Structure formats: structure tokens, C-alpha cells
Amino acid sequence: MDKLSIFISYSNKDIKIEEKIKQTLESLSEFEVFIAKQDIPAGKTWESYLLQKIRECSCFIPLITANAPHSLL
């Protein structure tokens, strides 16, 4: 079975929460988690690459915290 791809959108202020979620999901071996700051290859145009990864993901998880309204894409 192919791994399900998950895109997590989060505020930079919530990186510790995001990292814990990513570690937990990936430890289940059924998920491949995409994190923009860590997973964009050098030299890629980040805007178009992010949109591509969002379109391709099996699941999009917005991490909604008190910091979310103050965060940009």
C-alpha cells in the first residue's frame, strides 16, 4: 500500500507542535508528511511548489492555533 501524503500548514510560531505531529504520523509508517520549511528542495520556486504539493496531497491539515491568524502562506 502506498503511503498517504499529508500536507501540514502551520504558523512558524507553532513549529514544535508541527514537529510532534509529523513525528507521530511518520512513526505509523503509513504517512508521508510534507512540511514546507523542511521539504522544499533548494532552487525550487516555493510558491508554485507549495501549490503543487497541496494539489497532490491525500490530506491537508491546517494547524489552527492562536498564532494561525497572524501567519501567511
Protein backbone atom coordinates (compact mmCIF):
# COMPACT_ATOMS: atom_id res chain seq x y z
CA MET A 1 0.00 0.00 0.00
CA ASP A 2 1.28 3.47 -0.89
CA LYS A 3 1.81 5.94 1.90
CA LEU A 4 -0.77 8.67 2.25
CA SER A 5 0.74 12.10 1.71
CA ILE A 6 -0.13 14.74 4.28
CA PHE A 7 0.50 18.47 3.96
CA ILE A 8 0.58 20.36 7.26
CA SER A 9 0.07 24.12 7.14
CA TYR A 10 1.21 25.93 10.28
CA SER A 11 2.48 29.19 11.74
CA ASN A 12 6.24 29.38 12.27
CA LYS A 13 5.46 30.05 15.93
CA ASP A 14 3.93 26.57 16.15
CA ILE A 15 6.90 24.62 14.82
CA LYS A 16 7.24 22.49 17.97
CA ILE A 17 3.62 21.36 17.66
CA GLU A 18 4.06 20.69 13.95
CA GLU A 19 7.22 18.66 14.55
CA LYS A 20 5.45 16.47 17.13
CA ILE A 21 2.53 15.84 14.76
CA LYS A 22 4.92 14.98 11.92
CA GLN A 23 6.96 12.60 14.08
CA THR A 24 3.83 10.86 15.33
CA LEU A 25 2.31 10.42 11.88
CA GLU A 26 5.55 9.24 10.27
CA SER A 27 6.15 6.75 13.10
CA LEU A 28 3.00 4.96 11.97
CA SER A 29 4.78 4.17 8.67
CA GLU A 30 1.60 4.81 6.71
CA PHE A 31 2.09 8.52 6.15
CA GLU A 32 4.49 10.79 4.33
CA VAL A 33 4.29 14.28 5.81
CA PHE A 34 5.24 17.41 3.85
CA ILE A 35 6.48 20.43 5.78
CA ALA A 36 7.24 23.48 3.64
CA LYS A 37 10.24 24.81 5.57
CA GLN A 38 11.91 21.39 5.64
CA ASP A 39 10.83 19.74 2.41
CA ILE A 40 11.16 22.31 -0.38
CA PRO A 41 14.22 21.39 -2.46
CA ALA A 42 16.86 24.07 -2.93
CA GLY A 43 16.33 26.08 -6.09
CA LYS A 44 12.58 25.45 -6.33
CA THR A 45 10.16 28.35 -6.65
CA TRP A 46 8.42 27.92 -3.32
CA GLU A 47 5.01 29.34 -4.28
CA SER A 48 4.42 27.02 -7.23
CA TYR A 49 5.98 24.06 -5.41
CA LEU A 50 3.69 24.54 -2.40
CA LEU A 51 0.63 24.70 -4.61
CA GLN A 52 1.74 21.54 -6.40
CA LYS A 53 2.23 19.68 -3.10
CA ILE A 54 -1.18 20.85 -1.83
CA ARG A 55 -2.85 19.56 -5.02
CA GLU A 56 -1.02 16.22 -4.77
CA CYS A 57 -1.57 15.52 -1.07
CA SER A 58 -4.04 12.94 0.19
CA CYS A 59 -4.84 15.06 3.22
CA PHE A 60 -4.37 18.76 4.06
CA ILE A 61 -4.12 19.57 7.77
CA PRO A 62 -4.27 23.22 8.78
CA LEU A 63 -2.81 23.62 12.26
CA ILE A 64 -5.16 26.17 13.75
CA THR A 65 -3.84 27.82 16.89
CA ALA A 66 -3.91 31.34 18.30
CA ASN A 67 -0.94 32.05 16.01
CA ALA A 68 -2.68 30.98 12.79
CA PRO A 69 -4.46 34.28 12.01
CA HIS A 70 -1.10 36.08 12.11
CA SER A 71 0.62 33.68 9.71
CA LEU A 72 0.93 33.97 5.96
CA LEU A 73 1.11 31.07 3.48
